[in-house]
Amino acid sequence: MLDAALSSYGAQVVLATSSDENHPPENIIDGKTETFWISTGMFPQEFIIRFPDNMKIFTVSIHSYNIKRLKIEKGTSDDADKFEAVADTELEHTESSLQANEISVNVSNTTHLRFLVLSGYDHFVSVHKVSVQS
């Protein structure tokens, strides 16, 4: 299966609600868990990944730290202005390791995925890697 959320495939992070120059949002889609995007505090936080083509998506995997509640929405328009919820989940807290979660979404005709971090186990969260199986 193809990981459509890689920058090398043509995916882009087109919006992030916070940015740290040492940990930019582009780190989410570089395929590495060693690099990451970090929030600057407060909730909700969000980021949007745009795909180069319409995608049929089966599973989203996310490697993160301190995320408590996560909502994922799909967008089907080119300008990413309308979204529809596809998952809303609470992630288990981990003390000394990354949260590794696989979320079934099974959606078609998707051009964007919006990730809404609604709450965290701390003031700051980090997202190390997002993988999208299409």
N, C-alpha and C. Protein backbone atom coordinates (compact mmCIF):
# COMPACT_ATOMS: atom_id res chain seq x y z
N MET A 1 0.84 -1.20 0.00
CA MET A 1 0.00 0.00 0.00
C MET A 1 0.88 1.25 0.00
N LEU A 2 0.35 2.28 -0.57
CA LEU A 2 1.04 3.55 -0.73
C LEU A 2 0.82 4.44 0.49
N ASP A 3 1.89 5.11 0.96
CA ASP A 3 1.76 6.12 2.01
C ASP A 3 1.62 7.46 1.32
N ALA A 4 0.40 7.94 1.20
CA ALA A 4 0.11 9.17 0.46
C ALA A 4 0.46 10.43 1.23
N ALA A 5 0.83 10.32 2.51
CA ALA A 5 1.11 11.50 3.32
C ALA A 5 2.60 11.83 3.37
N LEU A 6 3.36 11.38 2.42
CA LEU A 6 4.79 11.71 2.39
C LEU A 6 5.03 12.91 1.48
N SER A 7 5.90 13.81 1.93
CA SER A 7 6.25 14.95 1.08
C SER A 7 6.90 14.48 -0.21
N SER A 8 7.63 13.37 -0.16
CA SER A 8 8.26 12.84 -1.37
C SER A 8 7.23 12.34 -2.38
N TYR A 9 6.02 12.05 -1.93
CA TYR A 9 4.92 11.65 -2.82
C TYR A 9 4.20 12.88 -3.38
N GLY A 10 4.39 14.04 -2.76
CA GLY A 10 3.74 15.26 -3.20
C GLY A 10 2.77 15.85 -2.20
N ALA A 11 2.63 15.21 -1.03
CA ALA A 11 1.75 15.75 0.02
C ALA A 11 2.36 17.03 0.58
N GLN A 12 1.49 17.92 1.05
CA GLN A 12 1.93 19.19 1.64
C GLN A 12 1.13 19.49 2.89
N VAL A 13 1.77 20.10 3.86
CA VAL A 13 1.04 20.66 5.00
C VAL A 13 0.70 22.09 4.58
N VAL A 14 -0.59 22.35 4.37
CA VAL A 14 -0.99 23.66 3.85
C VAL A 14 -1.48 24.61 4.94
N LEU A 15 -1.66 24.09 6.16
CA LEU A 15 -2.05 24.95 7.27
C LEU A 15 -1.64 24.28 8.57
N ALA A 16 -1.13 25.06 9.48
CA ALA A 16 -0.88 24.62 10.86
C ALA A 16 -1.12 25.81 11.76
N THR A 17 -1.80 25.59 12.87
CA THR A 17 -2.18 26.70 13.74
C THR A 17 -1.03 27.22 14.58
N SER A 18 0.05 26.48 14.65
CA SER A 18 1.22 26.98 15.37
C SER A 18 2.47 26.50 14.64
N SER A 19 3.55 27.23 14.86
CA SER A 19 4.78 26.85 14.18
C SER A 19 5.97 27.29 15.01
N ASP A 20 6.94 26.41 15.10
CA ASP A 20 8.21 26.67 15.76
C ASP A 20 9.27 26.47 14.69
N GLU A 21 10.16 27.43 14.50
CA GLU A 21 11.13 27.32 13.40
C GLU A 21 12.03 26.09 13.53
N ASN A 22 12.22 25.59 14.73
CA ASN A 22 13.02 24.38 14.92
C ASN A 22 12.23 23.10 14.69
N HIS A 23 10.91 23.20 14.73
CA HIS A 23 10.04 22.03 14.58
C HIS A 23 8.85 22.39 13.70
N PRO A 24 9.09 22.63 12.40
CA PRO A 24 8.02 23.09 11.51
C PRO A 24 7.02 22.00 11.17
N PRO A 25 5.84 22.38 10.70
CA PRO A 25 4.79 21.42 10.35
C PRO A 25 5.21 20.43 9.27
N GLU A 26 6.11 20.81 8.40
CA GLU A 26 6.57 19.92 7.33
C GLU A 26 7.19 18.64 7.87
N ASN A 27 7.66 18.67 9.12
CA ASN A 27 8.24 17.47 9.74
C ASN A 27 7.23 16.33 9.87
N ILE A 28 5.95 16.66 9.89
CA ILE A 28 4.89 15.66 10.03
C ILE A 28 4.92 14.67 8.86
N ILE A 29 5.29 15.15 7.67
CA ILE A 29 5.17 14.34 6.46
C ILE A 29 6.53 13.98 5.85
N ASP A 30 7.60 14.04 6.65
CA ASP A 30 8.92 13.67 6.10
C ASP A 30 9.22 12.18 6.25
N GLY A 31 8.32 11.43 6.89
CA GLY A 31 8.48 9.98 7.02
C GLY A 31 9.34 9.54 8.19
N LYS A 32 9.79 10.48 9.02
CA LYS A 32 10.66 10.15 10.15
C LYS A 32 9.94 10.41 11.47
N THR A 33 10.21 9.57 12.45
CA THR A 33 9.65 9.83 13.79
C THR A 33 10.62 10.66 14.63
N GLU A 34 11.84 10.85 14.16
CA GLU A 34 12.84 11.63 14.92
C GLU A 34 12.57 13.13 14.82
N THR A 35 11.92 13.57 13.73
CA THR A 35 11.58 14.98 13.58
C THR A 35 10.11 15.15 13.92
N PHE A 36 9.70 16.37 14.24
CA PHE A 36 8.30 16.56 14.66
C PHE A 36 7.88 18.02 14.55
N TRP A 37 6.55 18.20 14.59
CA TRP A 37 5.92 19.50 14.72
C TRP A 37 5.46 19.60 16.16
N ILE A 38 5.63 20.76 16.75
CA ILE A 38 5.20 20.95 18.14
C ILE A 38 4.22 22.12 18.20
N SER A 39 3.21 21.96 19.02
CA SER A 39 2.25 23.06 19.20
C SER A 39 2.89 24.10 20.11
N THR A 40 2.29 25.27 20.13
CA THR A 40 2.79 26.34 20.99
C THR A 40 1.85 26.58 22.17
N GLY A 41 1.10 25.55 22.54
CA GLY A 41 0.20 25.64 23.68
C GLY A 41 -1.21 26.00 23.26
N MET A 42 -2.16 25.80 24.17
CA MET A 42 -3.57 26.09 23.96
C MET A 42 -4.21 25.09 23.00
N PHE A 43 -5.52 24.91 23.13
CA PHE A 43 -6.27 24.01 22.27
C PHE A 43 -7.53 24.71 21.81
N PRO A 44 -8.04 24.38 20.64
CA PRO A 44 -7.58 23.32 19.73
C PRO A 44 -6.38 23.77 18.90
N GLN A 45 -5.68 22.79 18.37
CA GLN A 45 -4.62 22.98 17.39
C GLN A 45 -5.04 22.19 16.16
N GLU A 46 -4.57 22.60 14.99
CA GLU A 46 -4.91 21.84 13.80
C GLU A 46 -3.83 21.96 12.74
N PHE A 47 -3.83 20.97 11.86
CA PHE A 47 -3.02 21.03 10.66
C PHE A 47 -3.77 20.32 9.54
N ILE A 48 -3.50 20.75 8.31
CA ILE A 48 -4.16 20.19 7.14
C ILE A 48 -3.10 19.67 6.18
N ILE A 49 -3.29 18.42 5.74
CA ILE A 49 -2.42 17.82 4.72
C ILE A 49 -3.20 17.77 3.41
N ARG A 50 -2.56 18.28 2.34
CA ARG A 50 -3.16 18.23 1.01
C ARG A 50 -2.43 17.18 0.18
N PHE A 51 -3.19 16.40 -0.57
CA PHE A 51 -2.63 15.36 -1.42
C PHE A 51 -2.56 15.85 -2.86
N PRO A 52 -1.64 15.32 -3.65
CA PRO A 52 -1.51 15.79 -5.04
C PRO A 52 -2.68 15.37 -5.93
N ASP A 53 -3.40 14.32 -5.54
CA ASP A 53 -4.55 13.82 -6.31
C ASP A 53 -5.67 13.45 -5.35
N ASN A 54 -6.86 13.25 -5.89
CA ASN A 54 -7.95 12.68 -5.08
C ASN A 54 -7.53 11.30 -4.60
N MET A 55 -7.79 11.01 -3.36
CA MET A 55 -7.33 9.76 -2.77
C MET A 55 -8.51 8.97 -2.18
N LYS A 56 -8.37 7.66 -2.20
CA LYS A 56 -9.22 6.77 -1.40
C LYS A 56 -8.33 6.35 -0.24
N ILE A 57 -8.75 6.63 0.97
CA ILE A 57 -7.93 6.40 2.15
C ILE A 57 -8.58 5.36 3.04
N PHE A 58 -7.78 4.39 3.46
CA PHE A 58 -8.27 3.32 4.32
C PHE A 58 -7.90 3.53 5.78
N THR A 59 -6.64 3.90 6.01
CA THR A 59 -6.13 3.99 7.38
C THR A 59 -5.23 5.20 7.54
N VAL A 60 -5.32 5.85 8.69
CA VAL A 60 -4.41 6.93 9.06
C VAL A 60 -3.65 6.46 10.29
N SER A 61 -2.32 6.54 10.22
CA SER A 61 -1.48 6.24 11.39
C SER A 61 -0.84 7.54 11.85
N ILE A 62 -0.81 7.73 13.16
CA ILE A 62 -0.22 8.94 13.71
C ILE A 62 0.70 8.57 14.87
N HIS A 63 1.90 9.11 14.83
CA HIS A 63 2.86 8.98 15.92
C HIS A 63 2.96 10.36 16.57
N SER A 64 2.63 10.43 17.84
CA SER A 64 2.50 11.72 18.52
C SER A 64 2.89 11.60 19.98
N TYR A 65 2.82 12.73 20.66
CA TYR A 65 3.09 12.76 22.08
C TYR A 65 2.13 13.75 22.74
N ASN A 66 1.46 13.31 23.79
CA ASN A 66 0.57 14.12 24.63
C ASN A 66 -0.78 14.48 24.01
N ILE A 67 -1.16 13.90 22.87
CA ILE A 67 -2.49 14.17 22.33
C ILE A 67 -3.52 13.34 23.09
N LYS A 68 -4.57 14.01 23.55
CA LYS A 68 -5.65 13.31 24.25
C LYS A 68 -6.81 13.03 23.30
N ARG A 69 -7.39 14.07 22.71
CA ARG A 69 -8.53 13.87 21.82
C ARG A 69 -8.19 14.41 20.44
N LEU A 70 -8.41 13.57 19.43
CA LEU A 70 -8.08 13.90 18.05
C LEU A 70 -9.29 13.67 17.16
N LYS A 71 -9.56 14.65 16.32
CA LYS A 71 -10.63 14.54 15.33
C LYS A 71 -9.99 14.66 13.95
N ILE A 72 -10.41 13.79 13.02
CA ILE A 72 -9.90 13.83 11.65
C ILE A 72 -11.08 14.10 10.73
N GLU A 73 -10.89 15.03 9.80
CA GLU A 73 -11.92 15.37 8.84
C GLU A 73 -11.36 15.28 7.43
N LYS A 74 -12.21 14.96 6.47
CA LYS A 74 -11.79 14.92 5.07
C LYS A 74 -12.33 16.13 4.33
N GLY A 75 -11.57 16.57 3.35
CA GLY A 75 -11.99 17.66 2.47
C GLY A 75 -11.98 17.17 1.04
N THR A 76 -12.96 17.60 0.27
CA THR A 76 -13.05 17.15 -1.12
C THR A 76 -12.91 18.28 -2.12
N SER A 77 -12.82 19.52 -1.64
CA SER A 77 -12.69 20.64 -2.57
C SER A 77 -11.22 21.07 -2.67
N ASP A 78 -10.88 21.67 -3.78
CA ASP A 78 -9.49 22.09 -4.00
C ASP A 78 -9.05 23.19 -3.04
N ASP A 79 -9.97 24.02 -2.57
CA ASP A 79 -9.59 25.14 -1.71
C ASP A 79 -9.70 24.83 -0.21
N ALA A 80 -9.98 23.61 0.15
CA ALA A 80 -9.98 23.15 1.55
C ALA A 80 -10.84 24.03 2.46
N ASP A 81 -12.07 24.27 2.04
CA ASP A 81 -12.94 25.11 2.87
C ASP A 81 -14.12 24.36 3.49
N LYS A 82 -14.35 23.12 3.04
CA LYS A 82 -15.45 22.33 3.60
C LYS A 82 -14.90 20.97 4.02
N PHE A 83 -15.23 20.58 5.24
CA PHE A 83 -14.72 19.33 5.78
C PHE A 83 -15.86 18.52 6.39
N GLU A 84 -15.65 17.21 6.40
CA GLU A 84 -16.62 16.27 6.96
C GLU A 84 -15.88 15.34 7.91
N ALA A 85 -16.41 15.15 9.11
CA ALA A 85 -15.76 14.32 10.12
C ALA A 85 -15.69 12.86 9.66
N VAL A 86 -14.52 12.24 9.87
CA VAL A 86 -14.36 10.81 9.56
C VAL A 86 -13.89 10.01 10.77
N ALA A 87 -13.36 10.68 11.78
CA ALA A 87 -12.92 9.98 13.00
C ALA A 87 -12.84 10.97 14.15
N ASP A 88 -13.17 10.49 15.33
CA ASP A 88 -13.05 11.27 16.57
C ASP A 88 -12.65 10.27 17.63
N THR A 89 -11.44 10.40 18.15
CA THR A 89 -10.93 9.37 19.04
C THR A 89 -10.14 9.98 20.19
N GLU A 90 -10.09 9.24 21.28
CA GLU A 90 -9.25 9.62 22.41
C GLU A 90 -8.05 8.69 22.43
N LEU A 91 -6.86 9.29 22.48
CA LEU A 91 -5.63 8.52 22.45
C LEU A 91 -5.16 8.22 23.87
N GLU A 92 -4.57 7.06 24.04
CA GLU A 92 -4.07 6.65 25.35
C GLU A 92 -2.80 7.44 25.69
N HIS A 93 -2.67 7.83 26.94
CA HIS A 93 -1.50 8.56 27.39
C HIS A 93 -0.31 7.61 27.55
N THR A 94 0.83 8.01 27.04
CA THR A 94 2.06 7.24 27.21
C THR A 94 3.07 8.12 27.91
N GLU A 95 3.80 7.57 28.85
CA GLU A 95 4.74 8.35 29.64
C GLU A 95 6.07 8.60 28.94
N SER A 96 6.69 7.54 28.44
CA SER A 96 8.05 7.70 27.94
C SER A 96 8.24 7.23 26.51
N SER A 97 7.14 7.04 25.79
CA SER A 97 7.26 6.63 24.39
C SER A 97 6.19 7.35 23.57
N LEU A 98 6.38 7.32 22.26
CA LEU A 98 5.42 7.95 21.37
C LEU A 98 4.09 7.20 21.40
N GLN A 99 3.02 7.95 21.23
CA GLN A 99 1.72 7.35 21.00
C GLN A 99 1.71 6.88 19.55
N ALA A 100 1.42 5.63 19.31
CA ALA A 100 1.33 5.10 17.95
C ALA A 100 -0.08 4.58 17.76
N ASN A 101 -0.85 5.26 16.91
CA ASN A 101 -2.25 4.91 16.73
C ASN A 101 -2.58 4.74 15.27
N GLU A 102 -3.36 3.71 14.99
CA GLU A 102 -3.85 3.44 13.65
C GLU A 102 -5.36 3.62 13.68
N ILE A 103 -5.86 4.49 12.80
CA ILE A 103 -7.28 4.84 12.81
C ILE A 103 -7.88 4.50 11.45
N SER A 104 -8.89 3.64 11.44
CA SER A 104 -9.58 3.29 10.19
C SER A 104 -10.51 4.43 9.81
N VAL A 105 -10.41 4.87 8.57
CA VAL A 105 -11.28 5.95 8.10
C VAL A 105 -12.08 5.56 6.87
N ASN A 106 -11.50 4.80 5.95
CA ASN A 106 -12.18 4.29 4.76
C ASN A 106 -13.03 5.34 4.06
N VAL A 107 -12.35 6.35 3.49
CA VAL A 107 -13.03 7.44 2.78
C VAL A 107 -12.51 7.52 1.35
N SER A 108 -13.34 8.04 0.48
CA SER A 108 -12.92 8.18 -0.92
C SER A 108 -13.02 9.64 -1.35
N ASN A 109 -12.46 9.92 -2.51
CA ASN A 109 -12.52 11.24 -3.12
C ASN A 109 -12.03 12.34 -2.16
N THR A 110 -10.89 12.12 -1.54
CA THR A 110 -10.36 13.04 -0.55
C THR A 110 -9.16 13.80 -1.11
N THR A 111 -9.19 15.11 -0.98
CA THR A 111 -8.05 15.93 -1.40
C THR A 111 -7.25 16.46 -0.21
N HIS A 112 -7.90 16.54 0.95
CA HIS A 112 -7.28 17.07 2.16
C HIS A 112 -7.72 16.25 3.38
N LEU A 113 -6.84 16.18 4.37
CA LEU A 113 -7.23 15.70 5.70
C LEU A 113 -6.89 16.79 6.70
N ARG A 114 -7.88 17.10 7.54
CA ARG A 114 -7.66 18.07 8.62
C ARG A 114 -7.61 17.31 9.93
N PHE A 115 -6.57 17.56 10.70
CA PHE A 115 -6.36 16.95 12.01
C PHE A 115 -6.58 18.02 13.06
N LEU A 116 -7.57 17.81 13.93
CA LEU A 116 -7.89 18.75 15.01
C LEU A 116 -7.50 18.11 16.33
N VAL A 117 -6.53 18.70 16.99
CA VAL A 117 -6.14 18.25 18.33
C VAL A 117 -7.00 19.05 19.29
N LEU A 118 -8.01 18.40 19.84
CA LEU A 118 -8.99 19.09 20.67
C LEU A 118 -8.54 19.24 22.11
N SER A 119 -7.70 18.30 22.58
CA SER A 119 -7.18 18.39 23.94
C SER A 119 -5.90 17.56 24.04
N GLY A 120 -5.14 17.85 25.10
CA GLY A 120 -3.89 17.13 25.30
C GLY A 120 -3.71 16.76 26.76
N TYR A 121 -2.72 15.92 26.99
CA TYR A 121 -2.37 15.53 28.36
C TYR A 121 -1.43 16.55 29.00
N ASP A 122 -0.99 17.53 28.23
CA ASP A 122 -0.12 18.60 28.70
C ASP A 122 -0.47 19.84 27.86
N HIS A 123 0.18 20.95 28.13
CA HIS A 123 -0.08 22.17 27.36
C HIS A 123 0.43 22.08 25.93
N PHE A 124 1.44 21.26 25.71
CA PHE A 124 2.06 21.13 24.40
C PHE A 124 1.91 19.70 23.89
N VAL A 125 1.72 19.57 22.58
CA VAL A 125 1.69 18.26 21.94
C VAL A 125 2.67 18.27 20.78
N SER A 126 3.07 17.09 20.37
CA SER A 126 3.92 17.00 19.17
C SER A 126 3.38 15.90 18.27
N VAL A 127 3.54 16.12 16.97
CA VAL A 127 3.17 15.12 15.97
C VAL A 127 4.45 14.80 15.22
N HIS A 128 4.85 13.54 15.28
CA HIS A 128 6.13 13.11 14.71
C HIS A 128 5.97 12.57 13.30
N LYS A 129 4.87 11.89 13.05
CA LYS A 129 4.69 11.28 11.73
C LYS A 129 3.22 10.96 11.51
N VAL A 130 2.75 11.27 10.31
CA VAL A 130 1.43 10.85 9.87
C VAL A 130 1.62 10.01 8.63
N SER A 131 1.00 8.84 8.61
CA SER A 131 1.01 7.96 7.43
C SER A 131 -0.43 7.75 7.00
N VAL A 132 -0.64 7.76 5.70
CA VAL A 132 -1.98 7.57 5.14
C VAL A 132 -1.89 6.43 4.14
N GLN A 133 -2.62 5.35 4.43
CA GLN A 133 -2.64 4.19 3.53
C GLN A 133 -3.78 4.33 2.55
N SER A 134 -3.42 4.34 1.28
CA SER A 134 -4.44 4.49 0.23
C SER A 134 -4.35 3.33 -0.74
